[in-house]
Amino acid sequence: MQPIFEVRNLKRAFGGLAVTNDVSLSMAPGDRVALIGPNGAGKTTFVNLVTGNLKPDSGAVLIGGETVTSVDAIGRVRRGLVRSFQVTRLFADMTPAEHVALAVLQRSGRAGRLFGNFLGMPGVMAEVEDLLGKLGLKDLMHRKVSEIAYGQQRLLEIAVALALRPRVLLLDEPAAGVPQSDTGRIEQALADLPADLAVLMIEHDMDLVFRFAKRVIVLAAGAIIFDGSPSEVTKDPRVREAYLGSYANASHAA
């Protein structure tokens, strides 16, 4: 099976310091991958490179076999590469229905028809209600974002991302800032993602990583030092030294 997403020998340096150092990885449809590593490992730079927000010094990014290294961020979204952010980037005065409808209309090139019109578009509204219903937000669809809980805002971000119909979804700490009482909803939303969607999740919560991921990639000093199964990652001496020492030791002791 051809990979849906590939990164080949990606490099980026700032002031002579290699922040992304010859990184290569590939994902197939349906993959559930966690990208982990210590602060300063280069995770954010890597995501900015693959999503088109930053240009690499060398290397290539491919979506569905097409090289998109010179394609801008919007062009990569149109090709199916969608990202959520560590901190919510929602509009406080817009409703969940408006956010999702805008994403649906953007996907079909009709974003200019949003305000005052989308409520009268049966096809758009059916998709809005379906997505918000799946994420437990249908009863809040006409409330302003500023009036709903932070955990619900994170769920809305996932709904907006899914409305763009991604083939590859990059999730940047989807449970960051969410109260413990609401993390179960986030995890359920992750479990309910389409089976053929390739998902790369950046996360520091190792318990969440091990419940979600079928594969773990560890980045340290801009380079991949491990790419394998969750059961193997805690045993790898390089990973234990660079990042997982206390967690691995606690898990082993347990």
C-alpha atoms as a PDB file:
ATOM      1  CA  MET A   1       0.000   0.000   0.000  1.00  0.00           C
ATOM      2  CA  GLN A   2       1.311   3.444  -0.949  1.00  0.00           C
ATOM      3  CA  PRO A   3       1.868   5.739   2.023  1.00  0.00           C
ATOM      4  CA  ILE A   4      -0.688   8.529   2.364  1.00  0.00           C
ATOM      5  CA  PHE A   5       1.900  10.776   4.021  1.00  0.00           C
ATOM      6  CA  GLU A   6       5.684  10.813   3.684  1.00  0.00           C
ATOM      7  CA  VAL A   7       8.527  12.962   4.923  1.00  0.00           C
ATOM      8  CA  ARG A   8      11.907  12.364   3.303  1.00  0.00           C
ATOM      9  CA  ASN A   9      15.192  13.611   4.772  1.00  0.00           C
ATOM     10  CA  LEU A  10      13.686  16.856   6.040  1.00  0.00           C
ATOM     11  CA  LYS A  11      16.203  19.405   7.314  1.00  0.00           C
ATOM     12  CA  ARG A  12      15.904  22.879   8.794  1.00  0.00           C
ATOM     13  CA  ALA A  13      18.510  24.888  10.686  1.00  0.00           C
ATOM     14  CA  PHE A  14      18.352  28.208  12.513  1.00  0.00           C
ATOM     15  CA  GLY A  15      21.628  30.079  12.933  1.00  0.00           C
ATOM     16  CA  GLY A  16      23.623  26.961  12.178  1.00  0.00           C
ATOM     17  CA  LEU A  17      21.691  24.819  14.689  1.00  0.00           C
ATOM     18  CA  ALA A  18      19.897  21.856  13.087  1.00  0.00           C
ATOM     19  CA  VAL A  19      16.386  21.921  14.556  1.00  0.00           C
ATOM     20  CA  THR A  20      15.068  19.313  12.126  1.00  0.00           C
ATOM     21  CA  ASN A  21      17.882  16.960  11.254  1.00  0.00           C
ATOM     22  CA  ASP A  22      17.330  14.524   8.363  1.00  0.00           C
ATOM     23  CA  VAL A  23      13.866  13.400   9.504  1.00  0.00           C
ATOM     24  CA  SER A  24      12.077  10.714   7.491  1.00  0.00           C
ATOM     25  CA  LEU A  25       8.798   8.945   8.230  1.00  0.00           C
ATOM     26  CA  SER A  26       5.779   7.554   6.431  1.00  0.00           C
ATOM     27  CA  MET A  27       2.177   6.807   7.356  1.00  0.00           C
ATOM     28  CA  ALA A  28      -0.439   4.591   5.770  1.00  0.00           C
ATOM     29  CA  PRO A  29      -4.202   5.160   5.832  1.00  0.00           C
ATOM     30  CA  GLY A  30      -5.542   4.260   9.268  1.00  0.00           C
ATOM     31  CA  ASP A  31      -2.245   4.703  11.093  1.00  0.00           C
ATOM     32  CA  ARG A  32      -2.380   5.957  14.683  1.00  0.00           C
ATOM     33  CA  VAL A  33       1.024   7.445  15.465  1.00  0.00           C
ATOM     34  CA  ALA A  34       2.231   9.467  18.454  1.00  0.00           C
ATOM     35  CA  LEU A  35       5.143  11.876  18.085  1.00  0.00           C
ATOM     36  CA  ILE A  36       6.818  12.466  21.440  1.00  0.00           C
ATOM     37  CA  GLY A  37      10.011  14.012  22.737  1.00  0.00           C
ATOM     38  CA  PRO A  38      11.430  16.441  25.296  1.00  0.00           C
ATOM     39  CA  ASN A  39      10.815  20.186  25.124  1.00  0.00           C
ATOM     40  CA  GLY A  40      13.095  21.658  22.490  1.00  0.00           C
ATOM     41  CA  ALA A  41      13.230  18.406  20.518  1.00  0.00           C
ATOM     42  CA  GLY A  42      11.948  20.138  17.380  1.00  0.00           C
ATOM     43  CA  LYS A  43       8.360  18.830  17.323  1.00  0.00           C
ATOM     44  CA  THR A  44       6.750  22.208  16.603  1.00  0.00           C
ATOM     45  CA  THR A  45       9.283  23.032  13.886  1.00  0.00           C
ATOM     46  CA  PHE A  46       8.654  19.635  12.303  1.00  0.00           C
ATOM     47  CA  VAL A  47       4.884  20.216  12.230  1.00  0.00           C
ATOM     48  CA  ASN A  48       5.351  23.709  10.784  1.00  0.00           C
ATOM     49  CA  LEU A  49       7.550  22.244   8.053  1.00  0.00           C
ATOM     50  CA  VAL A  50       5.160  19.481   7.026  1.00  0.00           C
ATOM     51  CA  THR A  51       2.096  21.736   7.098  1.00  0.00           C
ATOM     52  CA  GLY A  52       3.701  24.416   4.918  1.00  0.00           C
ATOM     53  CA  ASN A  53       4.041  27.143   7.534  1.00  0.00           C
ATOM     54  CA  LEU A  54       7.828  26.923   7.337  1.00  0.00           C
ATOM     55  CA  LYS A  55      10.139  26.099   4.428  1.00  0.00           C
ATOM     56  CA  PRO A  56      12.738  23.332   4.837  1.00  0.00           C
ATOM     57  CA  ASP A  57      16.360  23.760   3.883  1.00  0.00           C
ATOM     58  CA  SER A  58      16.156  20.401   2.121  1.00  0.00           C
ATOM     59  CA  GLY A  59      14.019  17.278   1.961  1.00  0.00           C
ATOM     60  CA  ALA A  60      10.521  16.542   0.742  1.00  0.00           C
ATOM     61  CA  VAL A  61       6.938  16.213   1.977  1.00  0.00           C
ATOM     62  CA  LEU A  62       4.481  14.024   0.061  1.00  0.00           C
ATOM     63  CA  ILE A  63       0.716  13.569   0.386  1.00  0.00           C
ATOM     64  CA  GLY A  64      -0.766  10.613  -1.444  1.00  0.00           C
ATOM     65  CA  GLY A  65       2.416  10.249  -3.478  1.00  0.00           C
ATOM     66  CA  GLU A  66       2.388  13.897  -4.614  1.00  0.00           C
ATOM     67  CA  THR A  67       5.338  16.071  -3.620  1.00  0.00           C
ATOM     68  CA  VAL A  68       3.957  19.154  -1.866  1.00  0.00           C
ATOM     69  CA  THR A  69       7.185  20.663  -0.507  1.00  0.00           C
ATOM     70  CA  SER A  70       6.625  23.879  -2.475  1.00  0.00           C
ATOM     71  CA  VAL A  71       2.846  23.960  -1.872  1.00  0.00           C
ATOM     72  CA  ASP A  72       1.577  26.479   0.694  1.00  0.00           C
ATOM     73  CA  ALA A  73      -0.367  25.594   3.848  1.00  0.00           C
ATOM     74  CA  ILE A  74      -3.796  26.131   2.255  1.00  0.00           C
ATOM     75  CA  GLY A  75      -2.834  23.957  -0.695  1.00  0.00           C
ATOM     76  CA  ARG A  76      -1.812  21.153   1.653  1.00  0.00           C
ATOM     77  CA  VAL A  77      -5.144  21.389   3.473  1.00  0.00           C
ATOM     78  CA  ARG A  78      -6.894  21.050   0.117  1.00  0.00           C
ATOM     79  CA  ARG A  79      -4.859  17.911  -0.519  1.00  0.00           C
ATOM     80  CA  GLY A  80      -5.982  16.435   2.787  1.00  0.00           C
ATOM     81  CA  LEU A  81      -3.368  17.430   5.379  1.00  0.00           C
ATOM     82  CA  VAL A  82      -5.172  19.114   8.296  1.00  0.00           C
ATOM     83  CA  ARG A  83      -3.769  20.312  11.618  1.00  0.00           C
ATOM     84  CA  SER A  84      -5.256  21.147  14.998  1.00  0.00           C
ATOM     85  CA  PHE A  85      -3.345  23.435  17.357  1.00  0.00           C
ATOM     86  CA  GLN A  86      -2.083  23.102  20.933  1.00  0.00           C
ATOM     87  CA  VAL A  87      -4.031  26.233  21.891  1.00  0.00           C
ATOM     88  CA  THR A  88      -7.524  26.740  20.527  1.00  0.00           C
ATOM     89  CA  ARG A  89      -7.799  29.075  17.546  1.00  0.00           C
ATOM     90  CA  LEU A  90     -11.553  29.466  17.550  1.00  0.00           C
ATOM     91  CA  PHE A  91     -13.532  32.699  17.251  1.00  0.00           C
ATOM     92  CA  ALA A  92     -15.129  33.567  20.584  1.00  0.00           C
ATOM     93  CA  ASP A  93     -18.180  35.286  19.076  1.00  0.00           C
ATOM     94  CA  MET A  94     -18.947  32.554  16.534  1.00  0.00           C
ATOM     95  CA  THR A  95     -21.009  29.452  17.261  1.00  0.00           C
ATOM     96  CA  PRO A  96     -19.955  25.829  16.796  1.00  0.00           C
ATOM     97  CA  ALA A  97     -22.420  25.615  13.888  1.00  0.00           C
ATOM     98  CA  GLU A  98     -20.779  28.598  12.198  1.00  0.00           C
ATOM     99  CA  HIS A  99     -17.282  27.160  12.668  1.00  0.00           C
ATOM    100  CA  VAL A 100     -18.163  23.795  11.168  1.00  0.00           C
ATOM    101  CA  ALA A 101     -20.278  25.310   8.389  1.00  0.00           C
ATOM    102  CA  LEU A 102     -17.391  27.590   7.421  1.00  0.00           C
ATOM    103  CA  ALA A 103     -15.081  24.558   7.175  1.00  0.00           C
ATOM    104  CA  VAL A 104     -17.636  22.681   5.030  1.00  0.00           C
ATOM    105  CA  LEU A 105     -18.051  25.682   2.728  1.00  0.00           C
ATOM    106  CA  GLN A 106     -14.283  26.263   2.538  1.00  0.00           C
ATOM    107  CA  ARG A 107     -13.840  22.655   1.474  1.00  0.00           C
ATOM    108  CA  SER A 108     -16.248  23.165  -1.401  1.00  0.00           C
ATOM    109  CA  GLY A 109     -15.015  26.640  -2.364  1.00  0.00           C
ATOM    110  CA  ARG A 110     -18.108  28.450  -1.068  1.00  0.00           C
ATOM    111  CA  ALA A 111     -16.762  30.180   2.038  1.00  0.00           C
ATOM    112  CA  GLY A 112     -18.068  33.571   0.905  1.00  0.00           C
ATOM    113  CA  ARG A 113     -21.630  32.333   1.322  1.00  0.00           C
ATOM    114  CA  LEU A 114     -21.425  31.681   5.061  1.00  0.00           C
ATOM    115  CA  PHE A 115     -23.128  34.457   6.968  1.00  0.00           C
ATOM    116  CA  GLY A 116     -26.913  34.520   6.794  1.00  0.00           C
ATOM    117  CA  ASN A 117     -27.015  31.704   4.263  1.00  0.00           C
ATOM    118  CA  PHE A 118     -25.747  28.409   5.651  1.00  0.00           C
ATOM    119  CA  LEU A 119     -28.809  27.813   7.873  1.00  0.00           C
ATOM    120  CA  GLY A 120     -30.820  27.562   4.670  1.00  0.00           C
ATOM    121  CA  MET A 121     -28.500  25.023   3.068  1.00  0.00           C
ATOM    122  CA  PRO A 122     -29.890  21.560   3.917  1.00  0.00           C
ATOM    123  CA  GLY A 123     -26.760  19.682   2.811  1.00  0.00           C
ATOM    124  CA  VAL A 124     -24.436  21.865   4.851  1.00  0.00           C
ATOM    125  CA  MET A 125     -26.667  21.786   7.911  1.00  0.00           C
ATOM    126  CA  ALA A 126     -26.983  17.997   7.748  1.00  0.00           C
ATOM    127  CA  GLU A 127     -23.189  17.690   7.841  1.00  0.00           C
ATOM    128  CA  VAL A 128     -22.879  20.281  10.626  1.00  0.00           C
ATOM    129  CA  GLU A 129     -25.449  18.492  12.786  1.00  0.00           C
ATOM    130  CA  ASP A 130     -23.911  15.089  12.088  1.00  0.00           C
ATOM    131  CA  LEU A 131     -20.371  16.159  13.059  1.00  0.00           C
ATOM    132  CA  LEU A 132     -21.414  18.102  16.142  1.00  0.00           C
ATOM    133  CA  GLY A 133     -23.729  15.276  17.180  1.00  0.00           C
ATOM    134  CA  LYS A 134     -20.929  12.713  16.996  1.00  0.00           C
ATOM    135  CA  LEU A 135     -18.805  14.885  19.283  1.00  0.00           C
ATOM    136  CA  GLY A 136     -21.581  15.592  21.773  1.00  0.00           C
ATOM    137  CA  LEU A 137     -21.897  19.262  20.796  1.00  0.00           C
ATOM    138  CA  LYS A 138     -25.232  19.362  18.962  1.00  0.00           C
ATOM    139  CA  ASP A 139     -27.097  20.916  21.897  1.00  0.00           C
ATOM    140  CA  LEU A 140     -24.508  23.726  21.960  1.00  0.00           C
ATOM    141  CA  MET A 141     -24.340  24.348  18.223  1.00  0.00           C
ATOM    142  CA  HIS A 142     -25.906  27.829  18.376  1.00  0.00           C
ATOM    143  CA  ARG A 143     -24.114  29.034  21.525  1.00  0.00           C
ATOM    144  CA  LYS A 144     -21.123  31.342  21.232  1.00  0.00           C
ATOM    145  CA  VAL A 145     -17.761  29.632  21.688  1.00  0.00           C
ATOM    146  CA  SER A 146     -17.067  31.977  24.608  1.00  0.00           C
ATOM    147  CA  GLU A 147     -20.015  30.377  26.418  1.00  0.00           C
ATOM    148  CA  ILE A 148     -18.901  26.756  26.185  1.00  0.00           C
ATOM    149  CA  ALA A 149     -16.335  24.880  28.276  1.00  0.00           C
ATOM    150  CA  TYR A 150     -12.702  24.560  27.192  1.00  0.00           C
ATOM    151  CA  GLY A 151     -12.973  20.793  26.780  1.00  0.00           C
ATOM    152  CA  GLN A 152     -15.922  21.334  24.447  1.00  0.00           C
ATOM    153  CA  GLN A 153     -13.883  23.871  22.491  1.00  0.00           C
ATOM    154  CA  ARG A 154     -11.202  21.216  21.920  1.00  0.00           C
ATOM    155  CA  LEU A 155     -13.889  18.851  20.651  1.00  0.00           C
ATOM    156  CA  LEU A 156     -15.116  21.603  18.336  1.00  0.00           C
ATOM    157  CA  GLU A 157     -11.609  21.924  16.901  1.00  0.00           C
ATOM    158  CA  ILE A 158     -11.712  18.233  16.036  1.00  0.00           C
ATOM    159  CA  ALA A 159     -15.137  18.735  14.401  1.00  0.00           C
ATOM    160  CA  VAL A 160     -13.784  21.616  12.313  1.00  0.00           C
ATOM    161  CA  ALA A 161     -10.807  19.499  11.243  1.00  0.00           C
ATOM    162  CA  LEU A 162     -13.052  16.585  10.264  1.00  0.00           C
ATOM    163  CA  ALA A 163     -15.323  18.932   8.293  1.00  0.00           C
ATOM    164  CA  LEU A 164     -12.351  19.539   5.995  1.00  0.00           C
ATOM    165  CA  ARG A 165     -12.328  15.762   5.281  1.00  0.00           C
ATOM    166  CA  PRO A 166      -8.631  15.171   5.908  1.00  0.00           C
ATOM    167  CA  ARG A 167      -6.680  12.174   4.755  1.00  0.00           C
ATOM    168  CA  VAL A 168      -3.956  12.999   7.311  1.00  0.00           C
ATOM    169  CA  LEU A 169      -4.771  14.669  10.638  1.00  0.00           C
ATOM    170  CA  LEU A 170      -2.067  16.230  12.833  1.00  0.00           C
ATOM    171  CA  LEU A 171      -3.234  16.715  16.413  1.00  0.00           C
ATOM    172  CA  ASP A 172      -1.100  19.011  18.563  1.00  0.00           C
ATOM    173  CA  GLU A 173      -1.761  18.010  22.188  1.00  0.00           C
ATOM    174  CA  PRO A 174      -5.539  17.608  21.791  1.00  0.00           C
ATOM    175  CA  ALA A 175      -6.109  17.283  25.549  1.00  0.00           C
ATOM    176  CA  ALA A 176      -3.845  20.188  26.596  1.00  0.00           C
ATOM    177  CA  GLY A 177      -5.565  22.411  29.132  1.00  0.00           C
ATOM    178  CA  VAL A 178      -8.625  20.187  29.324  1.00  0.00           C
ATOM    179  CA  PRO A 179      -9.819  19.388  32.865  1.00  0.00           C
ATOM    180  CA  GLN A 180      -9.365  15.766  33.894  1.00  0.00           C
ATOM    181  CA  SER A 181     -13.143  15.374  34.050  1.00  0.00           C
ATOM    182  CA  ASP A 182     -13.378  16.105  30.306  1.00  0.00           C
ATOM    183  CA  THR A 183     -10.409  14.136  28.969  1.00  0.00           C
ATOM    184  CA  GLY A 184     -12.581  11.044  28.548  1.00  0.00           C
ATOM    185  CA  ARG A 185     -14.611  12.901  25.911  1.00  0.00           C
ATOM    186  CA  ILE A 186     -11.435  13.792  24.024  1.00  0.00           C
ATOM    187  CA  GLU A 187     -10.237  10.193  24.122  1.00  0.00           C
ATOM    188  CA  GLN A 188     -13.607   8.938  22.918  1.00  0.00           C
ATOM    189  CA  ALA A 189     -13.485  11.430  20.049  1.00  0.00           C
ATOM    190  CA  LEU A 190     -10.033  10.115  19.119  1.00  0.00           C
ATOM    191  CA  ALA A 191     -11.281   6.527  19.287  1.00  0.00           C
ATOM    192  CA  ASP A 192     -14.182   7.426  16.985  1.00  0.00           C
ATOM    193  CA  LEU A 193     -12.063   9.018  14.242  1.00  0.00           C
ATOM    194  CA  PRO A 194     -12.603   7.456  10.786  1.00  0.00           C
ATOM    195  CA  ALA A 195     -10.783   4.142  10.497  1.00  0.00           C
ATOM    196  CA  ASP A 196      -9.062   5.090   7.224  1.00  0.00           C
ATOM    197  CA  LEU A 197      -7.775   8.434   8.524  1.00  0.00           C
ATOM    198  CA  ALA A 198      -4.028   8.619   9.224  1.00  0.00           C
ATOM    199  CA  VAL A 199      -3.493  10.417  12.547  1.00  0.00           C
ATOM    200  CA  LEU A 200      -0.243  11.834  13.912  1.00  0.00           C
ATOM    201  CA  MET A 201      -0.645  13.071  17.485  1.00  0.00           C
ATOM    202  CA  ILE A 202       1.908  15.190  19.351  1.00  0.00           C
ATOM    203  CA  GLU A 203       1.412  14.595  23.044  1.00  0.00           C
ATOM    204  CA  HIS A 204       3.208  14.797  26.404  1.00  0.00           C
ATOM    205  CA  ASP A 205       0.639  12.768  28.365  1.00  0.00           C
ATOM    206  CA  MET A 206       2.204   9.322  28.131  1.00  0.00           C
ATOM    207  CA  ASP A 207      -0.862   7.528  29.454  1.00  0.00           C
ATOM    208  CA  LEU A 208      -2.878   9.028  26.589  1.00  0.00           C
ATOM    209  CA  VAL A 209      -0.121   8.153  24.122  1.00  0.00           C
ATOM    210  CA  PHE A 210      -0.157   4.496  25.130  1.00  0.00           C
ATOM    211  CA  ARG A 211      -3.936   4.277  24.948  1.00  0.00           C
ATOM    212  CA  PHE A 212      -4.064   5.925  21.516  1.00  0.00           C
ATOM    213  CA  ALA A 213      -0.988   5.003  19.516  1.00  0.00           C
ATOM    214  CA  LYS A 214      -0.215   1.837  17.613  1.00  0.00           C
ATOM    215  CA  ARG A 215       3.193   3.301  16.804  1.00  0.00           C
ATOM    216  CA  VAL A 216       5.425   5.795  18.611  1.00  0.00           C
ATOM    217  CA  ILE A 217       8.052   8.086  17.082  1.00  0.00           C
ATOM    218  CA  VAL A 218      10.510   9.799  19.411  1.00  0.00           C
ATOM    219  CA  LEU A 219      12.197  13.041  18.383  1.00  0.00           C
ATOM    220  CA  ALA A 220      15.258  14.330  20.256  1.00  0.00           C
ATOM    221  CA  ALA A 221      17.579  17.169  19.224  1.00  0.00           C
ATOM    222  CA  GLY A 222      15.777  17.364  15.897  1.00  0.00           C
ATOM    223  CA  ALA A 223      16.327  13.721  14.937  1.00  0.00           C
ATOM    224  CA  ILE A 224      14.243  10.560  15.187  1.00  0.00           C
ATOM    225  CA  ILE A 225      15.814   8.237  17.744  1.00  0.00           C
ATOM    226  CA  PHE A 226      12.996   5.648  17.841  1.00  0.00           C
ATOM    227  CA  ASP A 227      10.168   4.492  15.580  1.00  0.00           C
ATOM    228  CA  GLY A 228       8.320   1.426  16.788  1.00  0.00           C
ATOM    229  CA  SER A 229       5.598  -0.041  18.959  1.00  0.00           C
ATOM    230  CA  PRO A 230       4.450   1.385  22.315  1.00  0.00           C
ATOM    231  CA  SER A 231       5.534  -1.815  24.031  1.00  0.00           C
ATOM    232  CA  GLU A 232       9.107  -1.351  22.795  1.00  0.00           C
ATOM    233  CA  VAL A 233       9.559   2.375  23.353  1.00  0.00           C
ATOM    234  CA  THR A 234       9.954   2.233  27.139  1.00  0.00           C
ATOM    235  CA  LYS A 235      12.689  -0.408  26.775  1.00  0.00           C
ATOM    236  CA  ASP A 236      14.839   1.571  24.357  1.00  0.00           C
ATOM    237  CA  PRO A 237      17.916   2.921  26.196  1.00  0.00           C
ATOM    238  CA  ARG A 238      18.201   6.048  24.014  1.00  0.00           C
ATOM    239  CA  VAL A 239      14.575   6.953  24.667  1.00  0.00           C
ATOM    240  CA  ARG A 240      14.898   6.327  28.400  1.00  0.00           C
ATOM    241  CA  GLU A 241      17.928   8.597  28.550  1.00  0.00           C
ATOM    242  CA  ALA A 242      16.474  11.371  26.367  1.00  0.00           C
ATOM    243  CA  TYR A 243      12.897  11.474  27.552  1.00  0.00           C
ATOM    244  CA  LEU A 244      11.160   8.582  29.259  1.00  0.00           C
ATOM    245  CA  GLY A 245      13.444   7.762  32.152  1.00  0.00           C
ATOM    246  CA  SER A 246      11.096   8.412  35.073  1.00  0.00           C
ATOM    247  CA  TYR A 247       7.997   7.179  33.231  1.00  0.00           C
ATOM    248  CA  ALA A 248       9.692   3.991  32.034  1.00  0.00           C
ATOM    249  CA  ASN A 249      11.120   3.258  35.461  1.00  0.00           C
ATOM    250  CA  ALA A 250       7.734   3.779  37.124  1.00  0.00           C
ATOM    251  CA  SER A 251       6.049   1.556  34.556  1.00  0.00           C
ATOM    252  CA  HIS A 252       8.663  -1.112  35.026  1.00  0.00           C
ATOM    253  CA  ALA A 253       8.315  -0.953  38.785  1.00  0.00           C
ATOM    254  CA  ALA A 254       4.549  -1.261  38.495  1.00  0.00           C
END
